[in-house]
N, C-alpha and C. Protein backbone atom coordinates (compact mmCIF):
# COMPACT_ATOMS: atom_id res chain seq x y z
N MET A 1 97.62 149.53 50.34
CA MET A 1 97.89 149.79 51.76
C MET A 1 97.35 148.64 52.61
N LYS A 2 96.09 148.25 52.29
CA LYS A 2 95.49 147.15 53.04
C LYS A 2 96.28 145.87 52.89
N SER A 3 96.79 145.63 51.66
CA SER A 3 97.55 144.39 51.42
C SER A 3 98.83 144.38 52.25
N HIS A 4 99.48 145.54 52.41
CA HIS A 4 100.69 145.62 53.24
C HIS A 4 100.37 145.30 54.69
N ARG A 5 99.23 145.85 55.17
CA ARG A 5 98.83 145.59 56.55
C ARG A 5 98.51 144.10 56.76
N LEU A 6 97.87 143.51 55.76
CA LEU A 6 97.51 142.09 55.85
C LEU A 6 98.77 141.23 55.90
N ILE A 7 99.73 141.56 55.03
CA ILE A 7 101.00 140.81 55.02
C ILE A 7 101.71 140.94 56.36
N ALA A 8 101.73 142.17 56.90
CA ALA A 8 102.38 142.40 58.19
C ALA A 8 101.69 141.60 59.28
N LEU A 9 100.35 141.58 59.24
CA LEU A 9 99.59 140.83 60.26
C LEU A 9 99.89 139.34 60.16
N ILE A 10 99.94 138.83 58.92
CA ILE A 10 100.25 137.41 58.72
C ILE A 10 101.63 137.09 59.27
N LYS A 11 102.61 137.97 59.02
CA LYS A 11 103.97 137.75 59.53
C LYS A 11 103.98 137.67 61.05
N VAL A 12 103.23 138.60 61.68
CA VAL A 12 103.17 138.61 63.14
C VAL A 12 102.56 137.31 63.66
N LEU A 13 101.48 136.87 63.02
CA LEU A 13 100.82 135.64 63.45
C LEU A 13 101.72 134.43 63.27
N VAL A 14 102.39 134.35 62.13
CA VAL A 14 103.28 133.22 61.84
C VAL A 14 104.45 133.20 62.84
N LEU A 15 105.08 134.37 63.04
CA LEU A 15 106.20 134.44 63.98
C LEU A 15 105.76 134.11 65.40
N GLY A 16 104.57 134.59 65.75
CA GLY A 16 104.03 134.28 67.08
C GLY A 16 103.81 132.79 67.25
N HIS A 17 103.25 132.15 66.22
CA HIS A 17 103.02 130.71 66.27
C HIS A 17 104.33 129.95 66.39
N LEU A 18 105.34 130.37 65.61
CA LEU A 18 106.63 129.70 65.66
C LEU A 18 107.30 129.88 67.02
N SER A 19 107.15 131.07 67.60
CA SER A 19 107.77 131.30 68.91
C SER A 19 107.12 130.44 69.97
N VAL A 20 105.80 130.24 69.87
CA VAL A 20 105.11 129.36 70.81
C VAL A 20 105.63 127.93 70.67
N LEU A 21 105.80 127.50 69.41
CA LEU A 21 106.33 126.16 69.18
C LEU A 21 107.73 126.02 69.77
N CYS A 22 108.56 127.03 69.55
CA CYS A 22 109.93 126.96 70.05
C CYS A 22 109.96 126.90 71.57
N VAL A 23 109.14 127.76 72.20
CA VAL A 23 109.10 127.77 73.66
C VAL A 23 108.62 126.43 74.18
N SER A 24 107.61 125.86 73.52
CA SER A 24 107.01 124.63 74.02
C SER A 24 107.95 123.43 73.85
N GLN A 25 108.85 123.50 72.89
CA GLN A 25 109.68 122.34 72.61
C GLN A 25 111.10 122.45 73.14
N GLU A 26 111.45 123.58 73.71
CA GLU A 26 112.76 123.70 74.32
C GLU A 26 112.64 123.29 75.79
N PHE A 27 113.56 122.45 76.22
CA PHE A 27 113.58 122.07 77.63
C PHE A 27 115.02 121.72 77.97
N ASP A 28 115.29 121.60 79.26
CA ASP A 28 116.68 121.45 79.70
C ASP A 28 117.07 120.03 80.08
N PHE A 29 116.12 119.24 80.51
CA PHE A 29 116.39 117.85 80.90
C PHE A 29 115.06 117.14 81.10
N PHE A 30 115.14 115.83 81.26
CA PHE A 30 113.96 115.03 81.62
C PHE A 30 114.08 114.57 83.08
N TYR A 31 112.94 114.42 83.73
CA TYR A 31 112.85 113.57 84.92
C TYR A 31 112.35 112.20 84.47
N LEU A 32 113.09 111.16 84.83
CA LEU A 32 112.58 109.79 84.71
C LEU A 32 111.99 109.45 86.06
N VAL A 33 110.69 109.20 86.09
CA VAL A 33 109.99 108.98 87.36
C VAL A 33 109.46 107.56 87.41
N GLN A 34 109.88 106.84 88.45
CA GLN A 34 109.39 105.48 88.67
C GLN A 34 108.71 105.41 90.03
N GLN A 35 107.66 104.60 90.13
CA GLN A 35 106.90 104.52 91.37
C GLN A 35 106.82 103.09 91.88
N TRP A 36 106.77 102.97 93.21
CA TRP A 36 106.64 101.67 93.83
C TRP A 36 105.16 101.35 93.99
N PRO A 37 104.67 100.25 93.36
CA PRO A 37 103.23 99.98 93.37
C PRO A 37 102.67 99.73 94.77
N GLY A 38 103.50 99.15 95.65
CA GLY A 38 103.03 98.91 97.01
C GLY A 38 102.66 100.19 97.73
N SER A 39 103.39 101.28 97.43
CA SER A 39 103.09 102.57 98.06
C SER A 39 101.92 103.27 97.40
N TYR A 40 101.76 103.07 96.10
CA TYR A 40 100.60 103.63 95.41
C TYR A 40 99.32 103.01 95.99
N CYS A 41 99.37 101.71 96.22
CA CYS A 41 98.16 101.00 96.66
C CYS A 41 97.91 101.13 98.16
N ASP A 42 98.99 101.29 98.95
CA ASP A 42 98.82 101.33 100.40
C ASP A 42 98.54 102.76 100.87
N THR A 43 97.42 103.29 100.44
CA THR A 43 96.93 104.60 100.89
C THR A 43 95.44 104.49 101.13
N LYS A 44 94.86 105.54 101.70
CA LYS A 44 93.42 105.52 101.94
C LYS A 44 92.66 105.41 100.61
N GLN A 45 93.25 105.97 99.56
CA GLN A 45 92.61 105.93 98.24
C GLN A 45 92.67 104.54 97.62
N SER A 46 93.68 103.76 97.99
CA SER A 46 93.90 102.40 97.48
C SER A 46 94.17 102.43 95.97
N CYS A 47 94.01 101.29 95.30
CA CYS A 47 94.32 101.20 93.88
C CYS A 47 93.47 100.12 93.23
N CYS A 48 93.55 100.05 91.93
CA CYS A 48 92.90 98.97 91.18
C CYS A 48 93.94 98.35 90.25
N TYR A 49 94.05 97.04 90.29
CA TYR A 49 94.99 96.37 89.39
C TYR A 49 94.50 96.50 87.95
N PRO A 50 95.42 96.56 86.99
CA PRO A 50 95.00 96.66 85.59
C PRO A 50 94.23 95.43 85.14
N THR A 51 93.56 95.56 84.03
CA THR A 51 92.75 94.46 83.50
C THR A 51 93.60 93.26 83.12
N THR A 52 94.89 93.46 82.98
CA THR A 52 95.81 92.36 82.66
C THR A 52 96.25 91.60 83.91
N GLY A 53 95.83 92.05 85.09
CA GLY A 53 96.19 91.37 86.33
C GLY A 53 97.15 92.17 87.18
N LYS A 54 97.46 91.63 88.35
CA LYS A 54 98.37 92.32 89.28
C LYS A 54 99.75 92.48 88.65
N PRO A 55 100.29 93.70 88.66
CA PRO A 55 101.63 93.89 88.10
C PRO A 55 102.70 93.18 88.93
N ALA A 56 103.86 93.05 88.37
CA ALA A 56 104.98 92.46 89.09
C ALA A 56 105.38 93.36 90.26
N ALA A 57 105.98 92.77 91.26
CA ALA A 57 106.48 93.54 92.41
C ALA A 57 107.78 94.22 92.01
N ASP A 58 107.66 95.28 91.24
CA ASP A 58 108.81 96.01 90.73
C ASP A 58 108.40 97.47 90.57
N PHE A 59 109.38 98.36 90.51
CA PHE A 59 109.07 99.75 90.23
C PHE A 59 108.46 99.84 88.83
N GLY A 60 107.41 100.64 88.71
CA GLY A 60 106.79 100.87 87.41
C GLY A 60 107.07 102.29 86.95
N ILE A 61 107.06 102.49 85.66
CA ILE A 61 107.27 103.83 85.11
C ILE A 61 106.07 104.71 85.41
N HIS A 62 106.33 105.93 85.85
CA HIS A 62 105.26 106.94 85.89
C HIS A 62 105.36 107.81 84.64
N GLY A 63 106.57 108.23 84.31
CA GLY A 63 106.69 109.01 83.09
C GLY A 63 108.09 109.52 82.85
N LEU A 64 108.26 110.16 81.69
CA LEU A 64 109.48 110.85 81.30
C LEU A 64 109.07 112.28 81.02
N TRP A 65 109.49 113.19 81.91
CA TRP A 65 108.92 114.53 81.93
C TRP A 65 109.95 115.61 81.59
N PRO A 66 109.77 116.34 80.49
CA PRO A 66 110.65 117.46 80.19
C PRO A 66 110.53 118.54 81.28
N ASN A 67 111.67 119.12 81.64
CA ASN A 67 111.70 120.15 82.67
C ASN A 67 112.69 121.23 82.32
N TYR A 68 112.52 122.38 82.98
CA TYR A 68 113.44 123.50 82.85
C TYR A 68 114.34 123.59 84.08
N ASN A 69 115.49 124.21 83.90
CA ASN A 69 116.44 124.35 85.01
C ASN A 69 115.94 125.27 86.13
N ASP A 70 114.90 126.06 85.86
CA ASP A 70 114.38 126.93 86.91
C ASP A 70 113.30 126.24 87.76
N GLY A 71 113.08 124.94 87.48
CA GLY A 71 112.13 124.19 88.28
C GLY A 71 110.73 124.13 87.70
N THR A 72 110.46 124.89 86.63
CA THR A 72 109.16 124.81 85.98
C THR A 72 109.22 123.78 84.85
N TYR A 73 108.09 123.52 84.25
CA TYR A 73 108.06 122.52 83.18
C TYR A 73 106.96 122.86 82.17
N PRO A 74 107.18 122.47 80.92
CA PRO A 74 106.13 122.66 79.90
C PRO A 74 105.11 121.53 80.00
N SER A 75 103.93 121.77 79.51
CA SER A 75 102.93 120.69 79.49
C SER A 75 101.94 120.91 78.36
N ASN A 76 101.37 119.81 77.87
CA ASN A 76 100.34 119.85 76.81
C ASN A 76 100.76 120.76 75.67
N CYS A 77 101.92 120.45 75.09
CA CYS A 77 102.54 121.37 74.14
C CYS A 77 101.97 121.31 72.72
N ASP A 78 101.35 120.20 72.35
CA ASP A 78 100.91 120.10 70.95
C ASP A 78 99.57 119.37 70.84
N PRO A 79 98.47 120.11 70.96
CA PRO A 79 97.16 119.48 70.83
C PRO A 79 96.90 118.89 69.45
N ASN A 80 97.75 119.25 68.49
CA ASN A 80 97.60 118.73 67.14
C ASN A 80 98.30 117.39 66.94
N ASN A 81 98.89 116.87 68.01
CA ASN A 81 99.57 115.58 67.91
C ASN A 81 99.07 114.66 69.02
N PRO A 82 97.80 114.25 68.95
CA PRO A 82 97.23 113.43 70.02
C PRO A 82 97.81 112.01 70.03
N PHE A 83 97.61 111.34 71.14
CA PHE A 83 98.05 109.96 71.30
C PHE A 83 97.41 109.07 70.24
N ASP A 84 98.20 108.19 69.66
CA ASP A 84 97.71 107.25 68.65
C ASP A 84 98.19 105.86 69.05
N GLN A 85 97.28 105.06 69.57
CA GLN A 85 97.65 103.75 70.09
C GLN A 85 98.34 102.87 69.05
N SER A 86 97.97 103.03 67.80
CA SER A 86 98.56 102.19 66.74
C SER A 86 100.06 102.45 66.59
N GLU A 87 100.51 103.64 67.02
CA GLU A 87 101.92 103.99 66.91
C GLU A 87 102.80 103.13 67.82
N ILE A 88 102.20 102.60 68.89
CA ILE A 88 103.00 101.84 69.86
C ILE A 88 102.47 100.41 70.02
N SER A 89 101.80 99.90 69.00
CA SER A 89 101.21 98.56 69.09
C SER A 89 102.27 97.49 69.36
N ASP A 90 103.47 97.70 68.83
CA ASP A 90 104.54 96.72 69.05
C ASP A 90 105.11 96.77 70.47
N LEU A 91 104.76 97.82 71.23
CA LEU A 91 105.29 97.99 72.58
C LEU A 91 104.27 97.65 73.66
N THR A 92 103.05 97.32 73.26
CA THR A 92 101.95 97.20 74.23
C THR A 92 102.26 96.23 75.35
N THR A 93 102.72 95.04 75.02
CA THR A 93 103.00 94.03 76.06
C THR A 93 104.08 94.51 77.01
N THR A 94 105.13 95.11 76.48
CA THR A 94 106.22 95.61 77.31
C THR A 94 105.76 96.78 78.18
N LEU A 95 104.90 97.62 77.63
CA LEU A 95 104.36 98.74 78.40
C LEU A 95 103.47 98.23 79.54
N GLN A 96 102.66 97.23 79.26
CA GLN A 96 101.79 96.70 80.31
C GLN A 96 102.60 96.13 81.47
N ARG A 97 103.76 95.59 81.15
CA ARG A 97 104.62 95.00 82.18
C ARG A 97 105.42 96.06 82.93
N ASN A 98 105.88 97.09 82.24
CA ASN A 98 106.80 98.06 82.84
C ASN A 98 106.17 99.42 83.15
N TRP A 99 105.01 99.69 82.58
CA TRP A 99 104.36 101.00 82.74
C TRP A 99 102.88 100.75 83.05
N PRO A 100 102.59 99.98 84.10
CA PRO A 100 101.20 99.58 84.36
C PRO A 100 100.39 100.69 85.02
N THR A 101 99.11 100.69 84.79
CA THR A 101 98.21 101.61 85.48
C THR A 101 97.70 100.98 86.76
N LEU A 102 97.57 101.79 87.80
CA LEU A 102 97.01 101.33 89.07
C LEU A 102 95.80 102.17 89.46
N ALA A 103 95.39 103.04 88.55
CA ALA A 103 94.25 103.91 88.83
C ALA A 103 92.94 103.13 88.78
N CYS A 104 91.95 103.64 89.49
CA CYS A 104 90.62 103.05 89.45
C CYS A 104 89.71 103.89 88.56
N PRO A 105 88.79 103.27 87.84
CA PRO A 105 88.57 101.82 87.74
C PRO A 105 89.69 101.15 86.92
N SER A 106 89.74 99.83 86.98
CA SER A 106 90.78 99.08 86.27
C SER A 106 90.80 99.43 84.79
N GLY A 107 92.00 99.51 84.24
CA GLY A 107 92.13 99.80 82.82
C GLY A 107 93.26 98.99 82.21
N SER A 108 93.42 99.15 80.91
CA SER A 108 94.46 98.41 80.19
C SER A 108 95.79 99.14 80.21
N GLY A 109 95.78 100.41 80.61
CA GLY A 109 96.99 101.23 80.58
C GLY A 109 96.95 102.29 79.50
N VAL A 110 96.05 102.14 78.53
CA VAL A 110 96.03 103.06 77.38
C VAL A 110 95.75 104.50 77.82
N LYS A 111 94.81 104.69 78.74
CA LYS A 111 94.49 106.06 79.19
C LYS A 111 95.67 106.70 79.90
N PHE A 112 96.40 105.90 80.67
CA PHE A 112 97.59 106.37 81.37
C PHE A 112 98.64 106.82 80.36
N TRP A 113 98.91 105.98 79.37
CA TRP A 113 99.92 106.31 78.36
C TRP A 113 99.49 107.53 77.54
N GLU A 114 98.20 107.60 77.24
CA GLU A 114 97.68 108.75 76.50
C GLU A 114 97.93 110.04 77.28
N HIS A 115 97.64 110.01 78.58
CA HIS A 115 97.85 111.19 79.42
C HIS A 115 99.33 111.59 79.42
N GLU A 116 100.21 110.60 79.59
CA GLU A 116 101.64 110.90 79.67
C GLU A 116 102.16 111.48 78.35
N TRP A 117 101.70 110.92 77.23
CA TRP A 117 102.15 111.45 75.94
C TRP A 117 101.64 112.87 75.73
N GLU A 118 100.37 113.10 75.97
CA GLU A 118 99.79 114.40 75.63
C GLU A 118 100.25 115.49 76.58
N LYS A 119 100.44 115.17 77.87
CA LYS A 119 100.90 116.19 78.82
C LYS A 119 102.40 116.40 78.72
N HIS A 120 103.17 115.32 78.65
CA HIS A 120 104.63 115.43 78.73
C HIS A 120 105.33 115.13 77.40
N GLY A 121 104.93 114.04 76.75
CA GLY A 121 105.62 113.61 75.54
C GLY A 121 105.58 114.65 74.43
N THR A 122 104.45 115.34 74.27
CA THR A 122 104.35 116.33 73.19
C THR A 122 105.32 117.49 73.40
N CYS A 123 105.81 117.66 74.61
CA CYS A 123 106.76 118.74 74.89
C CYS A 123 108.19 118.34 74.55
N SER A 124 108.37 117.10 74.13
CA SER A 124 109.71 116.65 73.72
C SER A 124 109.70 116.15 72.28
N GLU A 125 108.65 116.48 71.53
CA GLU A 125 108.52 115.90 70.19
C GLU A 125 109.53 116.47 69.19
N SER A 126 110.22 117.55 69.58
CA SER A 126 111.32 118.02 68.72
C SER A 126 112.48 117.03 68.76
N VAL A 127 112.49 116.14 69.77
CA VAL A 127 113.55 115.15 69.92
C VAL A 127 113.01 113.73 69.71
N LEU A 128 111.83 113.47 70.26
CA LEU A 128 111.27 112.12 70.25
C LEU A 128 109.85 112.13 69.70
N ASP A 129 109.59 111.31 68.67
CA ASP A 129 108.20 111.14 68.25
C ASP A 129 107.52 110.20 69.24
N GLN A 130 106.24 109.90 69.00
CA GLN A 130 105.50 109.14 70.00
C GLN A 130 106.12 107.77 70.28
N HIS A 131 106.44 107.03 69.25
CA HIS A 131 107.03 105.70 69.45
C HIS A 131 108.36 105.81 70.18
N ALA A 132 109.18 106.76 69.75
CA ALA A 132 110.50 106.93 70.37
C ALA A 132 110.38 107.35 71.84
N TYR A 133 109.35 108.14 72.15
CA TYR A 133 109.14 108.58 73.54
C TYR A 133 108.94 107.38 74.46
N PHE A 134 108.08 106.46 74.05
CA PHE A 134 107.81 105.29 74.89
C PHE A 134 108.97 104.30 74.86
N GLN A 135 109.56 104.10 73.69
CA GLN A 135 110.69 103.18 73.60
C GLN A 135 111.87 103.68 74.43
N THR A 136 112.13 104.97 74.36
CA THR A 136 113.23 105.57 75.12
C THR A 136 113.03 105.39 76.61
N THR A 137 111.80 105.60 77.06
CA THR A 137 111.50 105.47 78.49
C THR A 137 111.67 104.02 78.95
N LEU A 138 111.23 103.09 78.14
CA LEU A 138 111.42 101.67 78.46
C LEU A 138 112.91 101.32 78.52
N ASN A 139 113.68 101.86 77.59
CA ASN A 139 115.13 101.62 77.59
C ASN A 139 115.78 102.13 78.86
N LEU A 140 115.35 103.31 79.31
CA LEU A 140 115.90 103.90 80.53
C LEU A 140 115.56 103.05 81.75
N LYS A 141 114.35 102.51 81.79
CA LYS A 141 113.98 101.68 82.93
C LYS A 141 114.86 100.43 82.98
N ARG A 142 115.14 99.86 81.81
CA ARG A 142 116.02 98.68 81.78
C ARG A 142 117.42 99.03 82.28
N LYS A 143 117.86 100.23 81.95
CA LYS A 143 119.19 100.68 82.36
C LYS A 143 119.24 100.92 83.87
N VAL A 144 118.11 101.33 84.45
CA VAL A 144 118.04 101.70 85.86
C VAL A 144 117.19 100.67 86.59
N ASN A 145 117.81 99.64 87.11
CA ASN A 145 117.07 98.59 87.83
C ASN A 145 117.03 98.95 89.31
N LEU A 146 116.09 99.82 89.66
CA LEU A 146 116.03 100.36 91.02
C LEU A 146 115.87 99.27 92.07
N LEU A 147 114.97 98.34 91.83
CA LEU A 147 114.70 97.33 92.85
C LEU A 147 115.96 96.50 93.14
N GLN A 148 116.67 96.12 92.10
CA GLN A 148 117.87 95.33 92.29
C GLN A 148 118.95 96.12 93.03
N VAL A 149 119.06 97.40 92.70
CA VAL A 149 120.03 98.26 93.36
C VAL A 149 119.74 98.34 94.86
N LEU A 150 118.47 98.51 95.20
CA LEU A 150 118.10 98.61 96.62
C LEU A 150 118.30 97.28 97.33
N LYS A 151 117.90 96.19 96.69
CA LYS A 151 118.08 94.86 97.31
C LYS A 151 119.55 94.56 97.56
N THR A 152 120.40 94.94 96.62
CA THR A 152 121.83 94.72 96.77
C THR A 152 122.37 95.42 98.01
N ALA A 153 121.75 96.55 98.34
CA ALA A 153 122.16 97.32 99.52
C ALA A 153 121.43 96.87 100.79
N GLY A 154 120.66 95.78 100.67
CA GLY A 154 119.96 95.26 101.84
C GLY A 154 118.65 95.97 102.15
N ILE A 155 118.14 96.72 101.18
CA ILE A 155 116.88 97.45 101.37
C ILE A 155 115.79 96.72 100.60
N GLN A 156 114.91 96.06 101.34
CA GLN A 156 113.92 95.16 100.75
C GLN A 156 112.50 95.71 100.91
N PRO A 157 111.62 95.42 99.94
CA PRO A 157 110.21 95.81 100.08
C PRO A 157 109.48 94.83 101.01
N ASN A 158 109.76 94.96 102.29
CA ASN A 158 109.24 93.99 103.26
C ASN A 158 108.42 94.64 104.37
N GLY A 159 108.06 95.91 104.18
CA GLY A 159 107.27 96.60 105.20
C GLY A 159 108.10 97.20 106.32
N LYS A 160 109.42 97.05 106.23
CA LYS A 160 110.28 97.62 107.26
C LYS A 160 110.63 99.07 106.93
N PHE A 161 111.21 99.74 107.94
CA PHE A 161 111.60 101.14 107.79
C PHE A 161 113.10 101.24 107.55
N TYR A 162 113.46 102.15 106.65
CA TYR A 162 114.86 102.41 106.32
C TYR A 162 115.08 103.92 106.35
N THR A 163 116.31 104.32 106.62
CA THR A 163 116.56 105.76 106.62
C THR A 163 116.55 106.29 105.19
N LEU A 164 116.06 107.49 105.07
CA LEU A 164 116.03 108.14 103.76
C LEU A 164 117.44 108.25 103.19
N GLU A 165 118.40 108.57 104.03
CA GLU A 165 119.78 108.73 103.58
C GLU A 165 120.33 107.42 103.04
N ASN A 166 120.02 106.30 103.68
CA ASN A 166 120.51 105.01 103.19
C ASN A 166 119.90 104.65 101.84
N ILE A 167 118.63 104.98 101.65
CA ILE A 167 117.97 104.72 100.38
C ILE A 167 118.62 105.55 99.27
N LYS A 168 118.82 106.85 99.54
CA LYS A 168 119.48 107.72 98.56
C LYS A 168 120.88 107.22 98.23
N LYS A 169 121.62 106.85 99.28
CA LYS A 169 123.01 106.40 99.08
C LYS A 169 123.05 105.12 98.26
N ALA A 170 122.12 104.20 98.54
CA ALA A 170 122.09 102.94 97.79
C ALA A 170 121.87 103.19 96.30
N ILE A 171 120.95 104.09 95.99
CA ILE A 171 120.67 104.39 94.58
C ILE A 171 121.84 105.12 93.95
N GLN A 172 122.40 106.08 94.67
CA GLN A 172 123.53 106.84 94.12
C GLN A 172 124.74 105.93 93.89
N ASP A 173 125.00 105.05 94.85
CA ASP A 173 126.13 104.13 94.69
C ASP A 173 125.89 103.13 93.56
N GLY A 174 124.64 102.67 93.42
CA GLY A 174 124.34 101.64 92.43
C GLY A 174 124.20 102.15 91.01
N ILE A 175 123.74 103.40 90.89
CA ILE A 175 123.45 103.94 89.56
C ILE A 175 124.46 105.02 89.15
N GLY A 176 125.00 105.70 90.16
CA GLY A 176 126.02 106.72 89.87
C GLY A 176 125.50 108.13 89.85
N TYR A 177 124.21 108.32 90.13
CA TYR A 177 123.61 109.66 90.09
C TYR A 177 122.69 109.85 91.29
N THR A 178 122.56 111.10 91.69
CA THR A 178 121.78 111.43 92.88
C THR A 178 120.28 111.40 92.57
N PRO A 179 119.51 110.61 93.31
CA PRO A 179 118.06 110.56 93.09
C PRO A 179 117.34 111.59 93.94
N TRP A 180 116.12 111.87 93.59
CA TRP A 180 115.21 112.59 94.48
C TRP A 180 114.09 111.63 94.85
N ILE A 181 113.82 111.52 96.12
CA ILE A 181 112.83 110.56 96.62
C ILE A 181 111.56 111.28 97.02
N GLU A 182 110.44 110.81 96.52
CA GLU A 182 109.14 111.33 96.92
C GLU A 182 108.42 110.28 97.77
N CYS A 183 107.83 110.72 98.86
CA CYS A 183 107.09 109.82 99.73
C CYS A 183 105.60 110.12 99.65
N ASN A 184 104.81 109.13 100.02
CA ASN A 184 103.40 109.38 100.31
C ASN A 184 103.11 108.78 101.67
N VAL A 185 101.85 108.75 102.05
CA VAL A 185 101.48 108.32 103.39
C VAL A 185 100.55 107.12 103.31
N ASP A 186 100.86 106.09 104.08
CA ASP A 186 100.02 104.90 104.06
C ASP A 186 98.75 105.12 104.89
N ALA A 187 97.89 104.12 104.92
CA ALA A 187 96.60 104.25 105.60
C ALA A 187 96.76 104.51 107.10
N SER A 188 97.94 104.18 107.64
CA SER A 188 98.21 104.40 109.07
C SER A 188 98.94 105.70 109.34
N GLY A 189 99.25 106.45 108.28
CA GLY A 189 99.92 107.73 108.46
C GLY A 189 101.43 107.67 108.40
N ASN A 190 102.00 106.52 108.02
CA ASN A 190 103.45 106.38 107.91
C ASN A 190 103.96 106.90 106.58
N SER A 191 105.12 107.54 106.60
CA SER A 191 105.79 107.98 105.38
C SER A 191 106.38 106.77 104.68
N GLN A 192 106.15 106.65 103.38
CA GLN A 192 106.64 105.47 102.66
C GLN A 192 107.25 105.84 101.32
N LEU A 193 108.19 105.03 100.88
CA LEU A 193 108.88 105.23 99.61
C LEU A 193 107.89 105.11 98.45
N TYR A 194 107.69 106.19 97.73
CA TYR A 194 106.67 106.21 96.67
C TYR A 194 107.29 106.33 95.28
N GLN A 195 108.02 107.44 95.01
CA GLN A 195 108.56 107.64 93.68
C GLN A 195 110.04 108.03 93.74
N VAL A 196 110.75 107.60 92.71
CA VAL A 196 112.17 107.94 92.58
C VAL A 196 112.36 108.71 91.28
N TYR A 197 112.99 109.88 91.39
CA TYR A 197 113.26 110.73 90.23
C TYR A 197 114.76 110.67 89.92
N LEU A 198 115.07 110.48 88.66
CA LEU A 198 116.44 110.60 88.17
C LEU A 198 116.41 111.52 86.96
N CYS A 199 117.51 112.19 86.69
CA CYS A 199 117.53 113.13 85.57
C CYS A 199 118.23 112.54 84.36
N VAL A 200 117.73 112.94 83.19
CA VAL A 200 118.18 112.41 81.90
C VAL A 200 118.42 113.58 80.96
N ASP A 201 119.44 113.47 80.10
CA ASP A 201 119.73 114.56 79.16
C ASP A 201 118.62 114.69 78.11
N THR A 202 118.68 115.75 77.34
CA THR A 202 117.58 116.06 76.41
C THR A 202 117.45 115.07 75.26
N SER A 203 118.46 114.24 75.05
CA SER A 203 118.33 113.20 74.02
C SER A 203 117.54 112.00 74.52
N GLY A 204 117.39 111.92 75.85
CA GLY A 204 116.72 110.77 76.45
C GLY A 204 117.62 109.56 76.57
N SER A 205 118.91 109.74 76.35
CA SER A 205 119.83 108.60 76.30
C SER A 205 120.64 108.39 77.57
N ASN A 206 121.01 109.49 78.23
CA ASN A 206 121.99 109.39 79.31
C ASN A 206 121.49 110.00 80.60
N LEU A 207 121.74 109.30 81.71
CA LEU A 207 121.47 109.87 83.01
C LEU A 207 122.46 111.01 83.28
N ILE A 208 121.99 112.02 84.00
CA ILE A 208 122.83 113.16 84.37
C ILE A 208 122.51 113.54 85.81
N GLU A 209 123.37 114.35 86.41
CA GLU A 209 123.04 114.90 87.72
C GLU A 209 121.93 115.95 87.55
N CYS A 210 121.00 115.97 88.48
CA CYS A 210 119.89 116.92 88.41
C CYS A 210 120.37 118.33 88.73
N SER A 211 119.93 119.28 87.93
CA SER A 211 120.24 120.69 88.19
C SER A 211 119.28 121.27 89.22
N VAL A 212 118.12 120.66 89.35
CA VAL A 212 117.10 121.11 90.30
C VAL A 212 116.25 119.90 90.66
N PHE A 213 115.78 119.86 91.89
CA PHE A 213 114.90 118.78 92.32
C PHE A 213 113.47 119.29 92.40
N PRO A 214 112.50 118.41 92.20
CA PRO A 214 111.10 118.85 92.23
C PRO A 214 110.65 119.23 93.63
N LYS A 215 109.54 119.95 93.67
CA LYS A 215 108.94 120.33 94.95
C LYS A 215 107.76 119.39 95.21
N GLY A 216 108.07 118.24 95.75
CA GLY A 216 107.02 117.24 96.00
C GLY A 216 106.89 116.98 97.48
N ARG A 217 106.23 115.90 97.81
CA ARG A 217 106.01 115.55 99.20
C ARG A 217 107.33 115.16 99.86
N ALA A 218 107.61 115.83 100.96
CA ALA A 218 108.85 115.54 101.69
C ALA A 218 108.72 114.19 102.40
N CYS A 219 109.86 113.56 102.61
CA CYS A 219 109.90 112.29 103.32
C CYS A 219 110.36 112.53 104.76
N GLY A 220 109.98 111.62 105.64
CA GLY A 220 110.55 111.64 106.97
C GLY A 220 111.97 111.08 106.92
N SER A 221 112.67 111.15 108.03
CA SER A 221 114.04 110.64 108.07
C SER A 221 114.07 109.12 107.96
N GLU A 222 112.99 108.48 108.39
CA GLU A 222 112.85 107.03 108.23
C GLU A 222 111.55 106.76 107.47
N ILE A 223 111.65 105.93 106.44
CA ILE A 223 110.48 105.68 105.60
C ILE A 223 110.29 104.18 105.38
N GLU A 224 109.05 103.83 105.20
CA GLU A 224 108.67 102.43 105.02
C GLU A 224 108.83 102.04 103.56
N PHE A 225 109.23 100.79 103.34
CA PHE A 225 109.28 100.23 102.00
C PHE A 225 108.28 99.07 102.00
N PRO A 226 107.02 99.35 101.64
CA PRO A 226 105.96 98.35 101.82
C PRO A 226 106.04 97.19 100.84
N THR A 227 105.43 96.11 101.23
CA THR A 227 105.33 94.96 100.35
C THR A 227 104.33 95.24 99.24
N PHE A 228 104.36 94.40 98.22
CA PHE A 228 103.36 94.48 97.16
C PHE A 228 103.05 93.08 96.68
């Protein structure tokens, strides 16, 4: 009798564990999030350049984040698969250039990448292992040249103000998909272009129209595009 109960208990535990894994690894799309370094740094909090030096004046990757269609998202899905720097040793130089850290104190970027993998990347490991997660995100950034798209539309990072609608239209016209724009506030209290969200299918290969937009900081009708 006891053995039957033990077997039943084991089955419940195993099924429960599998259901947790399934829930944690199912998602509906990714947000590809890129940030403008000039806006990250032009706040009361300021920023610290990475130990490799000042990054290029270009949008940097913030992350590739699995999300659900109801607006929620999974996080920290697999504590048994921690970040392993050796897995991405061949990508380090490219990551430092395209996915730089601006947090203080100055760092090499490793802590930033570790955070992104463990919070977000582990929730997509049914599709992408650690190396593929970072490689895929780098590939998407190359495909989406935000700065060039904006410059082509006459929107320059020169400290001037542009309408939010013109910024959205420039990106939509240049890339073919509707972006979501997140703003932050500079030291003088002005709304400024901070992050651009685009949606990607669950394979990490193709941009798609977003089914839902995040609930982040709203932008004013006119926003600054600061220098860097």
